[in-house]
Amino acid sequence: MDRIIELWPDLIKAFLQTLHMVGISLGVAILIGMPLGILLYVTDKGLFLENPVIKGIAGVVVNLVRSIPFIILLVFLLPFTEWIVGTTIGPSAASVSLSVAAIPFFARIVESSAREIDKGVIEAAISTGASPWMIIKDVILPEARSGIVSGLTITTISLIGYSAMAGIVGGGGIGDLAIRFGYYRYDNTVMFTTVVILIALVQVIQFTGDRIARALDKR
């Protein structure tokens, strides 16, 4: 217990760094990944903005990024990270790689959520003369919101896992603390404490995400 009290400031700092990394990358995933996921869906065959060229290019880019293991992506993007934030160390730097990994991941989830919509609903909107933007805004997003929230929950939990890897290159966060103290210094107290914190954090996020998704699901 004394050891935990001694490390409490470091634990708080690491926890806030994890929230920092995950928060930024999640925000970027929503801003870029969601429109990308909708684009992947509406340009698919048989949809109102069918476009095989755009669909193909977007699909290849998404698959390309997703095919790279995160630890390799993390190292590969170090020059890009330094160009963006001026450093390769710290939670802000780690957020760059996390954001790049989160965008295609969340885009595919949004696309999958949109595919669950009954196409009859979209056809009905088209028959009323609704514009593509109105269909996206008033039909696709409201109908897919429950699935999108579930996907956001999955993305958040995945990012927490990825953020632990960011500790390897000095990204900070709970993973970094676990590696520096728990692994390199064989401090089992730190390792156990960080694992408990991560488990508790994931449980809270999953519980909250499930509750919101159920509340939004009107089917």
Protein backbone atom coordinates (compact mmCIF):
# COMPACT_ATOMS: atom_id res chain seq x y z
CA MET A 1 0.00 0.00 0.00
CA ASP A 2 2.88 2.35 0.84
CA ARG A 3 4.31 1.71 -2.60
CA ILE A 4 1.02 2.68 -4.27
CA ILE A 5 0.80 5.88 -2.20
CA GLU A 6 4.37 6.67 -3.19
CA LEU A 7 3.56 6.22 -6.87
CA TRP A 8 0.15 7.91 -6.70
CA PRO A 9 1.31 11.16 -8.42
CA ASP A 10 2.87 9.11 -11.24
CA LEU A 11 -0.31 7.03 -11.56
CA ILE A 12 -2.48 10.14 -11.81
CA LYS A 13 -0.13 11.69 -14.37
CA ALA A 14 -0.06 8.48 -16.43
CA PHE A 15 -3.86 8.16 -16.27
CA LEU A 16 -4.31 11.74 -17.51
CA GLN A 17 -1.77 11.12 -20.28
CA THR A 18 -3.76 8.08 -21.41
CA LEU A 19 -6.95 10.13 -21.45
CA HIS A 20 -5.06 12.83 -23.39
CA MET A 21 -3.92 10.38 -26.08
CA VAL A 22 -7.19 8.54 -26.38
CA GLY A 23 -9.26 11.74 -26.31
CA ILE A 24 -7.38 13.39 -29.18
CA SER A 25 -7.27 10.30 -31.37
CA LEU A 26 -10.94 9.57 -30.72
CA GLY A 27 -11.85 13.11 -31.71
CA VAL A 28 -9.86 12.80 -34.94
CA ALA A 29 -11.47 9.42 -35.63
CA ILE A 30 -14.94 10.97 -35.32
CA LEU A 31 -14.07 14.00 -37.46
CA ILE A 32 -12.40 12.04 -40.27
CA GLY A 33 -13.33 8.39 -39.76
CA MET A 34 -17.08 8.94 -39.64
CA PRO A 35 -17.32 10.87 -42.96
CA LEU A 36 -14.95 8.33 -44.47
CA GLY A 37 -17.17 5.46 -43.32
CA ILE A 38 -20.26 7.16 -44.72
CA LEU A 39 -18.39 7.74 -48.00
CA LEU A 40 -17.49 4.06 -48.18
CA TYR A 41 -21.15 3.17 -47.72
CA VAL A 42 -22.91 5.65 -50.02
CA THR A 43 -20.50 5.04 -52.93
CA ASP A 44 -21.08 1.29 -52.78
CA LYS A 45 -22.86 -0.55 -55.57
CA GLY A 46 -26.60 0.10 -55.67
CA LEU A 47 -26.48 3.14 -53.36
CA PHE A 48 -27.54 6.66 -54.33
CA LEU A 49 -23.94 7.93 -54.75
CA GLU A 50 -22.54 4.77 -56.34
CA ASN A 51 -19.00 5.45 -57.52
CA PRO A 52 -16.65 2.47 -57.94
CA VAL A 53 -13.56 4.67 -58.37
CA ILE A 54 -14.01 6.61 -55.11
CA LYS A 55 -15.15 3.48 -53.31
CA GLY A 56 -12.11 1.58 -54.57
CA ILE A 57 -9.58 4.28 -53.68
CA ALA A 58 -11.07 4.88 -50.22
CA GLY A 59 -11.28 1.15 -49.58
CA VAL A 60 -7.64 0.55 -50.56
CA VAL A 61 -6.40 3.40 -48.35
CA VAL A 62 -8.41 2.15 -45.40
CA ASN A 63 -7.27 -1.44 -45.87
CA LEU A 64 -3.66 -0.32 -46.35
CA VAL A 65 -3.49 1.47 -43.01
CA ARG A 66 -5.41 -1.26 -41.21
CA SER A 67 -3.05 -3.94 -42.50
CA ILE A 68 -0.05 -2.38 -40.70
CA PRO A 69 0.42 -3.59 -37.09
CA PHE A 70 0.19 -0.64 -34.72
CA ILE A 71 3.68 -1.03 -33.26
CA ILE A 72 5.16 -0.81 -36.78
CA LEU A 73 2.88 2.09 -37.68
CA LEU A 74 4.01 3.85 -34.51
CA VAL A 75 7.67 3.69 -35.52
CA PHE A 76 7.01 4.30 -39.22
CA LEU A 77 5.15 7.55 -38.46
CA LEU A 78 7.83 9.03 -36.19
CA PRO A 79 9.10 11.49 -38.88
CA PHE A 80 5.52 12.51 -39.66
CA THR A 81 4.82 12.87 -35.93
CA GLU A 82 7.83 15.14 -35.47
CA TRP A 83 6.69 17.24 -38.44
CA ILE A 84 3.19 17.61 -36.97
CA VAL A 85 3.89 18.25 -33.28
CA GLY A 86 7.64 18.97 -33.27
CA THR A 87 8.55 15.99 -31.10
CA THR A 88 8.26 12.21 -31.02
CA ILE A 89 7.93 11.95 -27.25
CA GLY A 90 4.92 12.51 -25.05
CA PRO A 91 1.17 11.94 -25.26
CA SER A 92 0.60 14.55 -27.97
CA ALA A 93 3.15 12.85 -30.20
CA ALA A 94 1.62 9.45 -29.53
CA SER A 95 -1.79 10.87 -30.46
CA VAL A 96 -0.65 11.23 -34.08
CA SER A 97 -0.06 7.51 -34.58
CA LEU A 98 -3.14 6.64 -32.57
CA SER A 99 -5.25 8.95 -34.74
CA VAL A 100 -3.91 7.42 -37.96
CA ALA A 101 -4.75 3.96 -36.65
CA ALA A 102 -8.18 5.01 -35.35
CA ILE A 103 -9.46 6.68 -38.55
CA PRO A 104 -9.72 3.56 -40.79
CA PHE A 105 -10.77 1.39 -37.86
CA PHE A 106 -13.71 3.62 -37.01
CA ALA A 107 -14.52 4.21 -40.70
CA ARG A 108 -15.10 0.48 -41.25
CA ILE A 109 -17.31 0.34 -38.14
CA VAL A 110 -19.40 3.26 -39.39
CA GLU A 111 -19.70 1.60 -42.79
CA SER A 112 -20.82 -1.67 -41.17
CA SER A 113 -23.36 0.16 -39.01
CA ALA A 114 -24.81 1.89 -42.09
CA ARG A 115 -25.13 -1.44 -43.90
CA GLU A 116 -27.53 -2.63 -41.20
CA ILE A 117 -30.06 0.02 -42.24
CA ASP A 118 -33.04 -1.28 -44.14
CA LYS A 119 -32.48 -0.14 -47.74
CA GLY A 120 -36.23 0.37 -48.04
CA VAL A 121 -35.92 3.34 -45.70
CA ILE A 122 -33.29 4.92 -47.95
CA GLU A 123 -35.31 4.17 -51.09
CA ALA A 124 -38.34 5.83 -49.48
CA ALA A 125 -36.27 8.94 -48.79
CA ILE A 126 -35.03 8.98 -52.39
CA SER A 127 -38.59 8.67 -53.67
CA THR A 128 -39.57 11.79 -51.74
CA GLY A 129 -36.87 13.77 -53.55
CA ALA A 130 -34.47 14.05 -50.61
CA SER A 131 -30.99 15.19 -51.54
CA PRO A 132 -27.95 12.96 -50.78
CA TRP A 133 -26.97 15.22 -47.88
CA MET A 134 -30.50 15.04 -46.44
CA ILE A 135 -30.49 11.25 -46.73
CA ILE A 136 -27.16 11.07 -44.92
CA LYS A 137 -28.15 13.58 -42.23
CA ASP A 138 -31.78 12.61 -41.66
CA VAL A 139 -31.81 8.90 -42.47
CA ILE A 140 -28.43 7.19 -42.36
CA LEU A 141 -26.92 8.85 -39.29
CA PRO A 142 -30.06 8.62 -37.11
CA GLU A 143 -30.73 5.01 -38.15
CA ALA A 144 -27.11 3.95 -37.63
CA ARG A 145 -26.45 5.93 -34.44
CA SER A 146 -26.80 2.97 -32.08
CA GLY A 147 -24.27 0.95 -34.09
CA ILE A 148 -21.99 3.97 -34.37
CA VAL A 149 -22.00 4.45 -30.58
CA SER A 150 -21.19 0.75 -30.11
CA GLY A 151 -18.39 1.17 -32.64
CA LEU A 152 -17.15 4.22 -30.82
CA THR A 153 -16.99 2.17 -27.64
CA ILE A 154 -14.97 -0.55 -29.38
CA THR A 155 -12.67 2.07 -30.90
CA THR A 156 -12.08 3.72 -27.53
CA ILE A 157 -11.17 0.43 -25.87
CA SER A 158 -8.87 -0.47 -28.77
CA LEU A 159 -7.16 2.91 -28.48
CA ILE A 160 -6.53 2.33 -24.78
CA GLY A 161 -4.78 -0.90 -25.74
CA TYR A 162 -2.80 0.85 -28.47
CA SER A 163 -1.84 3.66 -26.07
CA ALA A 164 -0.05 1.11 -23.90
CA MET A 165 2.20 0.31 -26.88
CA ALA A 166 2.94 4.01 -27.29
CA GLY A 167 4.82 3.80 -24.01
CA ILE A 168 7.55 1.86 -25.80
CA VAL A 169 8.58 5.01 -27.71
CA GLY A 170 8.07 7.39 -24.77
CA GLY A 171 4.45 8.20 -25.41
CA GLY A 172 3.65 8.23 -21.71
CA GLY A 173 0.43 6.95 -20.20
CA ILE A 174 -0.43 3.96 -18.07
CA GLY A 175 1.25 1.56 -20.48
CA ASP A 176 4.49 3.50 -20.25
CA LEU A 177 4.34 3.38 -16.45
CA ALA A 178 3.70 -0.37 -16.53
CA ILE A 179 6.64 -0.95 -18.86
CA ARG A 180 9.12 1.32 -17.04
CA PHE A 181 8.31 0.24 -13.49
CA GLY A 182 6.45 -3.03 -13.81
CA TYR A 183 8.55 -4.66 -16.51
CA TYR A 184 12.02 -3.09 -16.53
CA ARG A 185 12.21 -2.78 -12.73
CA TYR A 186 10.22 -5.94 -11.90
CA ASP A 187 7.87 -3.92 -9.71
CA ASN A 188 4.87 -6.21 -9.42
CA THR A 189 2.91 -3.66 -7.38
CA VAL A 190 3.03 -1.14 -10.21
CA MET A 191 2.23 -3.79 -12.81
CA PHE A 192 -0.77 -5.06 -10.82
CA THR A 193 -2.04 -1.53 -10.12
CA THR A 194 -1.81 -0.43 -13.75
CA VAL A 195 -3.59 -3.57 -14.92
CA VAL A 196 -6.40 -2.96 -12.40
CA ILE A 197 -6.72 0.67 -13.56
CA LEU A 198 -6.90 -0.41 -17.21
CA ILE A 199 -9.50 -3.08 -16.46
CA ALA A 200 -11.62 -0.61 -14.47
CA LEU A 201 -11.35 2.02 -17.21
CA VAL A 202 -12.39 -0.42 -19.93
CA GLN A 203 -15.31 -1.70 -17.84
CA VAL A 204 -16.62 1.83 -17.28
CA ILE A 205 -16.33 2.70 -20.98
CA GLN A 206 -17.98 -0.54 -22.10
CA PHE A 207 -20.82 -0.17 -19.59
CA THR A 208 -21.44 3.46 -20.53
CA GLY A 209 -21.22 2.75 -24.27
CA ASP A 210 -23.65 -0.18 -24.02
CA ARG A 211 -26.16 1.91 -22.05
CA ILE A 212 -26.05 4.77 -24.56
CA ALA A 213 -26.27 2.41 -27.56
CA ARG A 214 -29.32 0.66 -26.08
CA ALA A 215 -30.99 4.00 -25.36
CA LEU A 216 -30.45 5.12 -28.96
CA ASP A 217 -31.60 1.84 -30.52
CA LYS A 218 -35.25 2.41 -31.49
CA ARG A 219 -35.62 -0.77 -33.56
